[in-house]
Amino acid sequence: MSGVGTIFWKEMADYFGSKRFLVLFIIICLTGISVAYLAGRNLEGFTHIPSQYLLLGFFITSAGSLPSFTFFVSFFGPLIGIILGFDAISGERSRGTISMVLSQPVFRDSLINGKFLAGILTIAIMFVSIFLIILGLGIWAMGFVPNLEELSRIGIYCLASVVYVGFWLSLGILFSILFRRTSSSALTSIMMWIFFTFFIYMIANVIADQIVPIPAVTTPEVLAKNEAIRRAIVRVSPAALFEEIATAALNPSVRAFGFVNPEELAGLIPTPLSLGQSLMVVWPEFVGLAILMLICFAISYIVFMKQEIRSL
């Protein structure tokens, strides 16, 4: 592990000294903050949120024709991770610097570990900065400070955002190892983003309808089986897992996902869930998202360590 710190700080300096990254950072900050600000101007539209959690509405309420901040993160967050990771190794190859780096007293695992850790910290800094600014906008607009539970829910959502984008970072690093050309790595990463963001939902609907067709006159049991199959397929997508985590963390009224029998809804007391109860709802999704990120990085690590030096 010798040299992890050296690689880490070198990557951090490269990220924050890069005009490409700074422009990306500014665009993402301005776009995300603008969406939250416009949503905050429509305070009366926060009717879907319990009154004691109004500040959370800045994150999950759409601003007119614009989508919500959570949708913005779910849709564009993967591009951040891909941009940070798609040339992590292939870029070093194309510049001819990877052999020079490994000829120094730096172990091969230190190179990939340092790049991954630097990418994760960069993503964390980006999201914490955006969330703090939105939090400040919320306090200014609402006129009061959030309670501890609101801050905890926002913190959980921020952590989930970092893990979610971290998955795409690790995926970008994996493809940068598998492909020698940076363009191939970028295109493959974007294709995976398109598949997990769009096509997985279409495929899930088709398969669910083939296994459990929904007739014109149906029953709640048939609808529940169809939805269970659809959700089981969709949950392969990190985007679907992240959306569920964000929804449960930022909206205490959410008790379950998928099809719920109307008879079961009739017996529920319409009170918001506590933070612990909301975590119980999405704990499997959060663990699953983290495991996907770690598995993807572990594959990257193994492949990189097994490559011959001359192939690098």
C-alpha atoms as a PDB file:
ATOM      1  CA  MET A   1       0.000   0.000   0.000  1.00  0.00           C
ATOM      2  CA  SER A   2       3.036   2.242  -0.214  1.00  0.00           C
ATOM      3  CA  GLY A   3       2.272   5.437  -2.082  1.00  0.00           C
ATOM      4  CA  VAL A   4      -1.512   5.585  -1.575  1.00  0.00           C
ATOM      5  CA  GLY A   5      -1.228   9.016   0.018  1.00  0.00           C
ATOM      6  CA  THR A   6       0.974  10.287  -2.794  1.00  0.00           C
ATOM      7  CA  ILE A   7      -1.435   9.099  -5.499  1.00  0.00           C
ATOM      8  CA  PHE A   8      -4.411  10.354  -3.498  1.00  0.00           C
ATOM      9  CA  TRP A   9      -3.135  13.920  -3.146  1.00  0.00           C
ATOM     10  CA  LYS A  10      -1.900  13.964  -6.739  1.00  0.00           C
ATOM     11  CA  GLU A  11      -5.385  13.014  -7.962  1.00  0.00           C
ATOM     12  CA  MET A  12      -7.039  15.574  -5.696  1.00  0.00           C
ATOM     13  CA  ALA A  13      -4.737  18.268  -7.071  1.00  0.00           C
ATOM     14  CA  ASP A  14      -5.484  17.137 -10.629  1.00  0.00           C
ATOM     15  CA  TYR A  15      -9.249  17.217 -10.039  1.00  0.00           C
ATOM     16  CA  PHE A  16      -9.410  20.640  -8.438  1.00  0.00           C
ATOM     17  CA  GLY A  17      -6.786  22.053 -10.778  1.00  0.00           C
ATOM     18  CA  SER A  18      -8.607  20.833 -13.874  1.00  0.00           C
ATOM     19  CA  LYS A  19     -10.678  23.369 -15.795  1.00  0.00           C
ATOM     20  CA  ARG A  20     -12.945  20.547 -16.977  1.00  0.00           C
ATOM     21  CA  PHE A  21     -13.750  19.547 -13.414  1.00  0.00           C
ATOM     22  CA  LEU A  22     -14.190  23.109 -12.170  1.00  0.00           C
ATOM     23  CA  VAL A  23     -16.622  23.901 -14.997  1.00  0.00           C
ATOM     24  CA  LEU A  24     -18.520  20.673 -14.253  1.00  0.00           C
ATOM     25  CA  PHE A  25     -18.597  21.477 -10.545  1.00  0.00           C
ATOM     26  CA  ILE A  26     -19.923  25.001 -11.121  1.00  0.00           C
ATOM     27  CA  ILE A  27     -22.591  23.829 -13.593  1.00  0.00           C
ATOM     28  CA  ILE A  28     -23.809  21.083 -11.258  1.00  0.00           C
ATOM     29  CA  CYS A  29     -23.868  23.399  -8.247  1.00  0.00           C
ATOM     30  CA  LEU A  30     -25.756  26.150 -10.069  1.00  0.00           C
ATOM     31  CA  THR A  31     -28.252  23.743 -11.630  1.00  0.00           C
ATOM     32  CA  GLY A  32     -28.957  21.851  -8.418  1.00  0.00           C
ATOM     33  CA  ILE A  33     -29.244  24.996  -6.321  1.00  0.00           C
ATOM     34  CA  SER A  34     -31.496  26.662  -8.907  1.00  0.00           C
ATOM     35  CA  VAL A  35     -33.880  23.690  -8.884  1.00  0.00           C
ATOM     36  CA  ALA A  36     -34.031  23.694  -5.083  1.00  0.00           C
ATOM     37  CA  TYR A  37     -34.477  27.475  -4.947  1.00  0.00           C
ATOM     38  CA  LEU A  38     -37.345  27.470  -7.437  1.00  0.00           C
ATOM     39  CA  ALA A  39     -38.980  24.625  -5.528  1.00  0.00           C
ATOM     40  CA  GLY A  40     -38.606  26.597  -2.306  1.00  0.00           C
ATOM     41  CA  ARG A  41     -40.455  29.561  -3.786  1.00  0.00           C
ATOM     42  CA  ASN A  42     -43.516  27.356  -4.045  1.00  0.00           C
ATOM     43  CA  LEU A  43     -43.820  26.646  -0.323  1.00  0.00           C
ATOM     44  CA  GLU A  44     -47.556  26.075  -0.535  1.00  0.00           C
ATOM     45  CA  GLY A  45     -46.827  23.166  -2.866  1.00  0.00           C
ATOM     46  CA  PHE A  46     -45.226  21.175  -0.035  1.00  0.00           C
ATOM     47  CA  THR A  47     -48.586  19.616   0.861  1.00  0.00           C
ATOM     48  CA  HIS A  48     -47.205  16.084   0.415  1.00  0.00           C
ATOM     49  CA  ILE A  49     -44.768  16.604   3.297  1.00  0.00           C
ATOM     50  CA  PRO A  50     -45.668  16.701   7.024  1.00  0.00           C
ATOM     51  CA  SER A  51     -45.499  20.235   8.422  1.00  0.00           C
ATOM     52  CA  GLN A  52     -42.593  19.438  10.758  1.00  0.00           C
ATOM     53  CA  TYR A  53     -40.448  18.353   7.784  1.00  0.00           C
ATOM     54  CA  LEU A  54     -41.026  21.232   5.375  1.00  0.00           C
ATOM     55  CA  LEU A  55     -37.318  21.794   4.776  1.00  0.00           C
ATOM     56  CA  LEU A  56     -37.122  18.381   3.107  1.00  0.00           C
ATOM     57  CA  GLY A  57     -39.441  19.718   0.418  1.00  0.00           C
ATOM     58  CA  PHE A  58     -36.563  21.672  -1.110  1.00  0.00           C
ATOM     59  CA  PHE A  59     -35.068  18.331  -2.186  1.00  0.00           C
ATOM     60  CA  ILE A  60     -38.109  16.364  -3.395  1.00  0.00           C
ATOM     61  CA  THR A  61     -40.507  19.003  -4.754  1.00  0.00           C
ATOM     62  CA  SER A  62     -40.475  19.803  -8.463  1.00  0.00           C
ATOM     63  CA  ALA A  63     -40.285  23.442  -9.503  1.00  0.00           C
ATOM     64  CA  GLY A  64     -43.020  23.826 -12.089  1.00  0.00           C
ATOM     65  CA  SER A  65     -41.785  22.277 -15.321  1.00  0.00           C
ATOM     66  CA  LEU A  66     -38.395  21.478 -13.766  1.00  0.00           C
ATOM     67  CA  PRO A  67     -37.851  18.125 -12.017  1.00  0.00           C
ATOM     68  CA  SER A  68     -37.000  17.836  -8.336  1.00  0.00           C
ATOM     69  CA  PHE A  69     -33.471  17.950  -6.960  1.00  0.00           C
ATOM     70  CA  THR A  70     -33.613  14.212  -6.201  1.00  0.00           C
ATOM     71  CA  PHE A  71     -34.436  13.496  -9.849  1.00  0.00           C
ATOM     72  CA  PHE A  72     -31.565  15.758 -10.879  1.00  0.00           C
ATOM     73  CA  VAL A  73     -29.124  13.752  -8.732  1.00  0.00           C
ATOM     74  CA  SER A  74     -30.539  10.399  -9.852  1.00  0.00           C
ATOM     75  CA  PHE A  75     -30.347  11.303 -13.542  1.00  0.00           C
ATOM     76  CA  PHE A  76     -27.159  13.371 -13.799  1.00  0.00           C
ATOM     77  CA  GLY A  77     -25.223  11.977 -10.826  1.00  0.00           C
ATOM     78  CA  PRO A  78     -23.938   8.981 -12.811  1.00  0.00           C
ATOM     79  CA  LEU A  79     -22.356  11.330 -15.352  1.00  0.00           C
ATOM     80  CA  ILE A  80     -20.296  12.878 -12.554  1.00  0.00           C
ATOM     81  CA  GLY A  81     -18.919   9.491 -11.533  1.00  0.00           C
ATOM     82  CA  ILE A  82     -18.279   8.478 -15.134  1.00  0.00           C
ATOM     83  CA  ILE A  83     -16.434  11.724 -15.905  1.00  0.00           C
ATOM     84  CA  LEU A  84     -14.215  11.247 -12.851  1.00  0.00           C
ATOM     85  CA  GLY A  85     -13.441   7.596 -13.570  1.00  0.00           C
ATOM     86  CA  PHE A  86     -13.560   6.803 -17.284  1.00  0.00           C
ATOM     87  CA  ASP A  87      -9.930   7.835 -17.914  1.00  0.00           C
ATOM     88  CA  ALA A  88      -8.451   6.883 -14.541  1.00  0.00           C
ATOM     89  CA  ILE A  89      -6.201   4.181 -16.026  1.00  0.00           C
ATOM     90  CA  SER A  90      -6.731   4.457 -19.785  1.00  0.00           C
ATOM     91  CA  GLY A  91      -5.809   8.142 -19.583  1.00  0.00           C
ATOM     92  CA  GLU A  92      -2.514   7.237 -17.917  1.00  0.00           C
ATOM     93  CA  ARG A  93      -1.904   4.696 -20.681  1.00  0.00           C
ATOM     94  CA  SER A  94      -2.606   7.153 -23.490  1.00  0.00           C
ATOM     95  CA  ARG A  95      -0.273   9.728 -21.929  1.00  0.00           C
ATOM     96  CA  GLY A  96       2.386   7.081 -21.391  1.00  0.00           C
ATOM     97  CA  THR A  97       2.713   7.944 -17.696  1.00  0.00           C
ATOM     98  CA  ILE A  98       1.484   4.741 -16.063  1.00  0.00           C
ATOM     99  CA  SER A  99       4.785   2.873 -16.506  1.00  0.00           C
ATOM    100  CA  MET A 100       6.655   5.884 -15.187  1.00  0.00           C
ATOM    101  CA  VAL A 101       4.424   6.038 -12.096  1.00  0.00           C
ATOM    102  CA  LEU A 102       4.795   2.313 -11.390  1.00  0.00           C
ATOM    103  CA  SER A 103       8.577   2.553 -11.798  1.00  0.00           C
ATOM    104  CA  GLN A 104       8.598   4.775  -8.710  1.00  0.00           C
ATOM    105  CA  PRO A 105       8.326   3.320  -5.168  1.00  0.00           C
ATOM    106  CA  VAL A 106       4.556   3.042  -5.641  1.00  0.00           C
ATOM    107  CA  PHE A 107       2.802  -0.311  -5.549  1.00  0.00           C
ATOM    108  CA  ARG A 108       0.277  -1.110  -8.227  1.00  0.00           C
ATOM    109  CA  ASP A 109      -2.586  -1.421  -5.748  1.00  0.00           C
ATOM    110  CA  SER A 110      -1.708   2.013  -4.379  1.00  0.00           C
ATOM    111  CA  LEU A 111      -2.396   3.518  -7.802  1.00  0.00           C
ATOM    112  CA  ILE A 112      -5.959   2.235  -8.126  1.00  0.00           C
ATOM    113  CA  ASN A 113      -6.757   2.672  -4.418  1.00  0.00           C
ATOM    114  CA  GLY A 114      -5.510   6.248  -4.447  1.00  0.00           C
ATOM    115  CA  LYS A 115      -7.529   7.102  -7.549  1.00  0.00           C
ATOM    116  CA  PHE A 116     -10.710   5.561  -6.128  1.00  0.00           C
ATOM    117  CA  LEU A 117     -10.375   7.263  -2.731  1.00  0.00           C
ATOM    118  CA  ALA A 118      -9.642  10.620  -4.364  1.00  0.00           C
ATOM    119  CA  GLY A 119     -12.702  10.233  -6.576  1.00  0.00           C
ATOM    120  CA  ILE A 120     -14.948   9.345  -3.622  1.00  0.00           C
ATOM    121  CA  LEU A 121     -13.710  12.311  -1.576  1.00  0.00           C
ATOM    122  CA  THR A 122     -14.172  14.650  -4.544  1.00  0.00           C
ATOM    123  CA  ILE A 123     -17.760  13.433  -4.955  1.00  0.00           C
ATOM    124  CA  ALA A 124     -18.362  13.855  -1.224  1.00  0.00           C
ATOM    125  CA  ILE A 125     -17.013  17.418  -1.253  1.00  0.00           C
ATOM    126  CA  MET A 126     -19.217  18.245  -4.230  1.00  0.00           C
ATOM    127  CA  PHE A 127     -22.418  16.944  -2.643  1.00  0.00           C
ATOM    128  CA  VAL A 128     -21.736  18.305   0.834  1.00  0.00           C
ATOM    129  CA  SER A 129     -21.144  21.744  -0.689  1.00  0.00           C
ATOM    130  CA  ILE A 130     -24.409  21.622  -2.658  1.00  0.00           C
ATOM    131  CA  PHE A 131     -26.400  20.296   0.300  1.00  0.00           C
ATOM    132  CA  LEU A 132     -25.049  22.958   2.666  1.00  0.00           C
ATOM    133  CA  ILE A 133     -25.979  25.722   0.232  1.00  0.00           C
ATOM    134  CA  ILE A 134     -29.484  24.287  -0.235  1.00  0.00           C
ATOM    135  CA  LEU A 135     -29.800  23.962   3.529  1.00  0.00           C
ATOM    136  CA  GLY A 136     -28.871  27.625   3.874  1.00  0.00           C
ATOM    137  CA  LEU A 137     -31.448  28.568   1.235  1.00  0.00           C
ATOM    138  CA  GLY A 138     -34.055  26.559   3.105  1.00  0.00           C
ATOM    139  CA  ILE A 139     -33.323  28.230   6.427  1.00  0.00           C
ATOM    140  CA  TRP A 140     -33.448  31.645   4.756  1.00  0.00           C
ATOM    141  CA  ALA A 141     -36.754  30.888   2.997  1.00  0.00           C
ATOM    142  CA  MET A 142     -38.472  29.145   5.923  1.00  0.00           C
ATOM    143  CA  GLY A 143     -37.214  31.477   8.633  1.00  0.00           C
ATOM    144  CA  PHE A 144     -36.283  28.735  11.111  1.00  0.00           C
ATOM    145  CA  VAL A 145     -33.551  26.171  11.587  1.00  0.00           C
ATOM    146  CA  PRO A 146     -34.191  22.478  10.885  1.00  0.00           C
ATOM    147  CA  ASN A 147     -34.565  19.996  13.704  1.00  0.00           C
ATOM    148  CA  LEU A 148     -32.139  17.162  14.340  1.00  0.00           C
ATOM    149  CA  GLU A 149     -34.249  14.583  12.495  1.00  0.00           C
ATOM    150  CA  GLU A 150     -34.420  16.745   9.364  1.00  0.00           C
ATOM    151  CA  LEU A 151     -30.646  17.157   9.421  1.00  0.00           C
ATOM    152  CA  SER A 152     -30.218  13.409   9.908  1.00  0.00           C
ATOM    153  CA  ARG A 153     -32.487  12.624   6.961  1.00  0.00           C
ATOM    154  CA  ILE A 154     -30.616  15.085   4.754  1.00  0.00           C
ATOM    155  CA  GLY A 155     -27.317  13.565   5.913  1.00  0.00           C
ATOM    156  CA  ILE A 156     -28.508  10.057   5.027  1.00  0.00           C
ATOM    157  CA  TYR A 157     -29.604  11.266   1.611  1.00  0.00           C
ATOM    158  CA  CYS A 158     -26.230  12.952   1.087  1.00  0.00           C
ATOM    159  CA  LEU A 159     -24.421   9.735   2.033  1.00  0.00           C
ATOM    160  CA  ALA A 160     -26.637   7.731  -0.335  1.00  0.00           C
ATOM    161  CA  SER A 161     -25.852  10.217  -3.117  1.00  0.00           C
ATOM    162  CA  VAL A 162     -22.111   9.759  -2.579  1.00  0.00           C
ATOM    163  CA  VAL A 163     -22.432   5.958  -2.628  1.00  0.00           C
ATOM    164  CA  TYR A 164     -24.648   6.097  -5.723  1.00  0.00           C
ATOM    165  CA  VAL A 165     -22.250   8.274  -7.705  1.00  0.00           C
ATOM    166  CA  GLY A 166     -19.389   6.224  -6.243  1.00  0.00           C
ATOM    167  CA  PHE A 167     -20.805   3.164  -7.997  1.00  0.00           C
ATOM    168  CA  TRP A 168     -20.546   4.945 -11.347  1.00  0.00           C
ATOM    169  CA  LEU A 169     -17.044   6.093 -10.449  1.00  0.00           C
ATOM    170  CA  SER A 170     -15.992   2.485  -9.805  1.00  0.00           C
ATOM    171  CA  LEU A 171     -17.713   1.390 -13.028  1.00  0.00           C
ATOM    172  CA  GLY A 172     -15.837   4.078 -14.966  1.00  0.00           C
ATOM    173  CA  ILE A 173     -12.562   2.928 -13.411  1.00  0.00           C
ATOM    174  CA  LEU A 174     -13.361  -0.679 -14.360  1.00  0.00           C
ATOM    175  CA  PHE A 175     -13.907   0.198 -18.006  1.00  0.00           C
ATOM    176  CA  SER A 176     -10.799   2.384 -18.016  1.00  0.00           C
ATOM    177  CA  ILE A 177      -8.872  -0.754 -17.031  1.00  0.00           C
ATOM    178  CA  LEU A 178     -10.592  -3.077 -19.500  1.00  0.00           C
ATOM    179  CA  PHE A 179     -10.232  -0.742 -22.505  1.00  0.00           C
ATOM    180  CA  ARG A 180      -6.973   0.793 -23.654  1.00  0.00           C
ATOM    181  CA  ARG A 181      -8.711   3.659 -25.456  1.00  0.00           C
ATOM    182  CA  THR A 182     -10.311   6.392 -23.368  1.00  0.00           C
ATOM    183  CA  SER A 183     -13.103   6.856 -25.903  1.00  0.00           C
ATOM    184  CA  SER A 184     -14.097   3.176 -25.618  1.00  0.00           C
ATOM    185  CA  SER A 185     -14.176   3.446 -21.840  1.00  0.00           C
ATOM    186  CA  ALA A 186     -16.363   6.559 -21.963  1.00  0.00           C
ATOM    187  CA  LEU A 187     -18.805   5.138 -24.523  1.00  0.00           C
ATOM    188  CA  THR A 188     -19.224   1.849 -22.655  1.00  0.00           C
ATOM    189  CA  SER A 189     -19.821   3.678 -19.371  1.00  0.00           C
ATOM    190  CA  ILE A 190     -22.469   5.883 -20.985  1.00  0.00           C
ATOM    191  CA  MET A 191     -24.139   2.835 -22.546  1.00  0.00           C
ATOM    192  CA  MET A 192     -24.390   1.237 -19.099  1.00  0.00           C
ATOM    193  CA  TRP A 193     -25.858   4.478 -17.726  1.00  0.00           C
ATOM    194  CA  ILE A 194     -28.498   4.527 -20.462  1.00  0.00           C
ATOM    195  CA  PHE A 195     -29.346   0.861 -19.862  1.00  0.00           C
ATOM    196  CA  PHE A 196     -29.726   1.154 -16.080  1.00  0.00           C
ATOM    197  CA  THR A 197     -31.540   4.491 -16.290  1.00  0.00           C
ATOM    198  CA  PHE A 198     -33.997   3.797 -19.120  1.00  0.00           C
ATOM    199  CA  PHE A 199     -34.059   0.323 -20.649  1.00  0.00           C
ATOM    200  CA  ILE A 200     -34.118  -1.683 -17.420  1.00  0.00           C
ATOM    201  CA  TYR A 201     -37.585  -0.310 -16.645  1.00  0.00           C
ATOM    202  CA  MET A 202     -38.903  -1.264 -20.084  1.00  0.00           C
ATOM    203  CA  ILE A 203     -37.423  -4.751 -19.824  1.00  0.00           C
ATOM    204  CA  ALA A 204     -38.878  -5.211 -16.338  1.00  0.00           C
ATOM    205  CA  ASN A 205     -42.366  -4.254 -17.523  1.00  0.00           C
ATOM    206  CA  VAL A 206     -42.221  -6.645 -20.485  1.00  0.00           C
ATOM    207  CA  ILE A 207     -40.979  -9.591 -18.413  1.00  0.00           C
ATOM    208  CA  ALA A 208     -43.479  -8.970 -15.602  1.00  0.00           C
ATOM    209  CA  ASP A 209     -46.375  -8.801 -18.071  1.00  0.00           C
ATOM    210  CA  GLN A 210     -45.229 -12.031 -19.724  1.00  0.00           C
ATOM    211  CA  ILE A 211     -44.941 -13.931 -16.440  1.00  0.00           C
ATOM    212  CA  VAL A 212     -48.053 -12.489 -14.772  1.00  0.00           C
ATOM    213  CA  PRO A 213     -50.348 -10.963 -17.419  1.00  0.00           C
ATOM    214  CA  ILE A 214     -52.832  -8.374 -16.160  1.00  0.00           C
ATOM    215  CA  PRO A 215     -56.302  -9.026 -17.613  1.00  0.00           C
ATOM    216  CA  ALA A 216     -58.899  -6.326 -18.204  1.00  0.00           C
ATOM    217  CA  VAL A 217     -60.679  -7.392 -15.018  1.00  0.00           C
ATOM    218  CA  THR A 218     -58.029  -8.158 -12.441  1.00  0.00           C
ATOM    219  CA  THR A 219     -57.565  -8.618  -8.705  1.00  0.00           C
ATOM    220  CA  PRO A 220     -55.192  -7.025  -6.168  1.00  0.00           C
ATOM    221  CA  GLU A 221     -53.324 -10.338  -5.891  1.00  0.00           C
ATOM    222  CA  VAL A 222     -52.497 -10.371  -9.614  1.00  0.00           C
ATOM    223  CA  LEU A 223     -51.386  -6.739  -9.509  1.00  0.00           C
ATOM    224  CA  ALA A 224     -49.211  -7.463  -6.478  1.00  0.00           C
ATOM    225  CA  LYS A 225     -47.501 -10.434  -8.180  1.00  0.00           C
ATOM    226  CA  ASN A 226     -46.893  -8.437 -11.361  1.00  0.00           C
ATOM    227  CA  GLU A 227     -45.438  -5.528  -9.391  1.00  0.00           C
ATOM    228  CA  ALA A 228     -43.249  -7.837  -7.282  1.00  0.00           C
ATOM    229  CA  ILE A 229     -41.658  -9.330 -10.412  1.00  0.00           C
ATOM    230  CA  ARG A 230     -41.186  -5.915 -11.989  1.00  0.00           C
ATOM    231  CA  ARG A 231     -39.531  -4.491  -8.877  1.00  0.00           C
ATOM    232  CA  ALA A 232     -37.276  -7.520  -8.454  1.00  0.00           C
ATOM    233  CA  ILE A 233     -35.878  -6.902 -11.947  1.00  0.00           C
ATOM    234  CA  VAL A 234     -35.693  -3.124 -11.605  1.00  0.00           C
ATOM    235  CA  ARG A 235     -33.719  -3.388  -8.368  1.00  0.00           C
ATOM    236  CA  VAL A 236     -30.760  -4.612 -10.378  1.00  0.00           C
ATOM    237  CA  SER A 237     -30.400  -0.940 -11.333  1.00  0.00           C
ATOM    238  CA  PRO A 238     -28.518   1.283  -8.865  1.00  0.00           C
ATOM    239  CA  ALA A 239     -30.734   4.165 -10.009  1.00  0.00           C
ATOM    240  CA  ALA A 240     -33.842   2.348  -8.755  1.00  0.00           C
ATOM    241  CA  LEU A 241     -32.204   1.593  -5.407  1.00  0.00           C
ATOM    242  CA  PHE A 242     -31.120   5.197  -5.009  1.00  0.00           C
ATOM    243  CA  GLU A 243     -34.572   6.556  -5.844  1.00  0.00           C
ATOM    244  CA  GLU A 244     -36.147   4.396  -3.143  1.00  0.00           C
ATOM    245  CA  ILE A 245     -33.571   5.473  -0.568  1.00  0.00           C
ATOM    246  CA  ALA A 246     -34.073   9.138  -1.429  1.00  0.00           C
ATOM    247  CA  THR A 247     -37.859   8.861  -1.300  1.00  0.00           C
ATOM    248  CA  ALA A 248     -37.950   7.149   2.095  1.00  0.00           C
ATOM    249  CA  ALA A 249     -35.241   9.341   3.632  1.00  0.00           C
ATOM    250  CA  LEU A 250     -36.745  12.650   2.521  1.00  0.00           C
ATOM    251  CA  ASN A 251     -40.458  11.846   2.841  1.00  0.00           C
ATOM    252  CA  PRO A 252     -41.441  10.423   6.258  1.00  0.00           C
ATOM    253  CA  SER A 253     -44.923   9.622   4.936  1.00  0.00           C
ATOM    254  CA  VAL A 254     -43.567   6.811   2.731  1.00  0.00           C
ATOM    255  CA  ARG A 255     -44.189   3.439   4.380  1.00  0.00           C
ATOM    256  CA  ALA A 256     -43.635   0.969   1.550  1.00  0.00           C
ATOM    257  CA  PHE A 257     -42.813   0.685  -2.137  1.00  0.00           C
ATOM    258  CA  GLY A 258     -44.634  -1.093  -4.890  1.00  0.00           C
ATOM    259  CA  PHE A 259     -48.235  -2.235  -4.907  1.00  0.00           C
ATOM    260  CA  VAL A 260     -50.110  -1.934  -1.604  1.00  0.00           C
ATOM    261  CA  ASN A 261     -53.526  -3.523  -1.131  1.00  0.00           C
ATOM    262  CA  PRO A 262     -56.197  -0.850  -0.527  1.00  0.00           C
ATOM    263  CA  GLU A 263     -57.445  -2.890   2.432  1.00  0.00           C
ATOM    264  CA  GLU A 264     -54.019  -2.588   4.054  1.00  0.00           C
ATOM    265  CA  LEU A 265     -53.960   1.168   3.463  1.00  0.00           C
ATOM    266  CA  ALA A 266     -57.310   1.541   5.199  1.00  0.00           C
ATOM    267  CA  GLY A 267     -55.832   0.229   8.441  1.00  0.00           C
ATOM    268  CA  LEU A 268     -52.786   2.503   8.486  1.00  0.00           C
ATOM    269  CA  ILE A 269     -52.595   5.525  10.759  1.00  0.00           C
ATOM    270  CA  PRO A 270     -51.545   8.561   8.643  1.00  0.00           C
ATOM    271  CA  THR A 271     -48.640   9.642  10.847  1.00  0.00           C
ATOM    272  CA  PRO A 272     -45.086  10.226   9.594  1.00  0.00           C
ATOM    273  CA  LEU A 273     -42.505   7.552  10.282  1.00  0.00           C
ATOM    274  CA  SER A 274     -39.612   8.176  12.611  1.00  0.00           C
ATOM    275  CA  LEU A 275     -36.073   8.230  11.242  1.00  0.00           C
ATOM    276  CA  GLY A 276     -35.432   4.701  12.480  1.00  0.00           C
ATOM    277  CA  GLN A 277     -38.602   3.394  10.851  1.00  0.00           C
ATOM    278  CA  SER A 278     -37.739   5.055   7.542  1.00  0.00           C
ATOM    279  CA  LEU A 279     -34.294   3.466   7.665  1.00  0.00           C
ATOM    280  CA  MET A 280     -35.870   0.060   8.211  1.00  0.00           C
ATOM    281  CA  VAL A 281     -37.888   0.576   5.017  1.00  0.00           C
ATOM    282  CA  VAL A 282     -34.826   1.161   2.812  1.00  0.00           C
ATOM    283  CA  TRP A 283     -32.022  -0.525   4.743  1.00  0.00           C
ATOM    284  CA  PRO A 284     -31.797  -3.421   2.234  1.00  0.00           C
ATOM    285  CA  GLU A 285     -31.636  -0.945  -0.664  1.00  0.00           C
ATOM    286  CA  PHE A 286     -28.865   1.061   1.006  1.00  0.00           C
ATOM    287  CA  VAL A 287     -26.801  -2.057   1.721  1.00  0.00           C
ATOM    288  CA  GLY A 288     -27.419  -3.310  -1.820  1.00  0.00           C
ATOM    289  CA  LEU A 289     -26.237  -0.029  -3.340  1.00  0.00           C
ATOM    290  CA  ALA A 290     -23.062  -0.046  -1.240  1.00  0.00           C
ATOM    291  CA  ILE A 291     -22.385  -3.685  -2.153  1.00  0.00           C
ATOM    292  CA  LEU A 292     -22.770  -2.904  -5.870  1.00  0.00           C
ATOM    293  CA  MET A 293     -20.183  -0.131  -5.551  1.00  0.00           C
ATOM    294  CA  LEU A 294     -17.740  -2.342  -3.624  1.00  0.00           C
ATOM    295  CA  ILE A 295     -18.182  -5.307  -5.987  1.00  0.00           C
ATOM    296  CA  CYS A 296     -17.532  -3.101  -8.999  1.00  0.00           C
ATOM    297  CA  PHE A 297     -14.383  -1.678  -7.410  1.00  0.00           C
ATOM    298  CA  ALA A 298     -13.245  -5.145  -6.284  1.00  0.00           C
ATOM    299  CA  ILE A 299     -13.490  -6.401  -9.879  1.00  0.00           C
ATOM    300  CA  SER A 300     -11.513  -3.341 -11.024  1.00  0.00           C
ATOM    301  CA  TYR A 301      -8.874  -4.038  -8.378  1.00  0.00           C
ATOM    302  CA  ILE A 302      -8.511  -7.730  -9.279  1.00  0.00           C
ATOM    303  CA  VAL A 303      -8.349  -7.118 -13.032  1.00  0.00           C
ATOM    304  CA  PHE A 304      -5.788  -4.331 -12.636  1.00  0.00           C
ATOM    305  CA  MET A 305      -3.595  -6.376 -10.298  1.00  0.00           C
ATOM    306  CA  LYS A 306      -3.587  -9.351 -12.703  1.00  0.00           C
ATOM    307  CA  GLN A 307      -2.671  -7.357 -15.811  1.00  0.00           C
ATOM    308  CA  GLU A 308       0.879  -7.698 -17.070  1.00  0.00           C
ATOM    309  CA  ILE A 309       3.079  -4.647 -16.707  1.00  0.00           C
ATOM    310  CA  ARG A 310       3.786  -4.441 -20.434  1.00  0.00           C
ATOM    311  CA  SER A 311       0.031  -4.461 -21.164  1.00  0.00           C
ATOM    312  CA  LEU A 312      -0.355  -1.354 -19.028  1.00  0.00           C
END
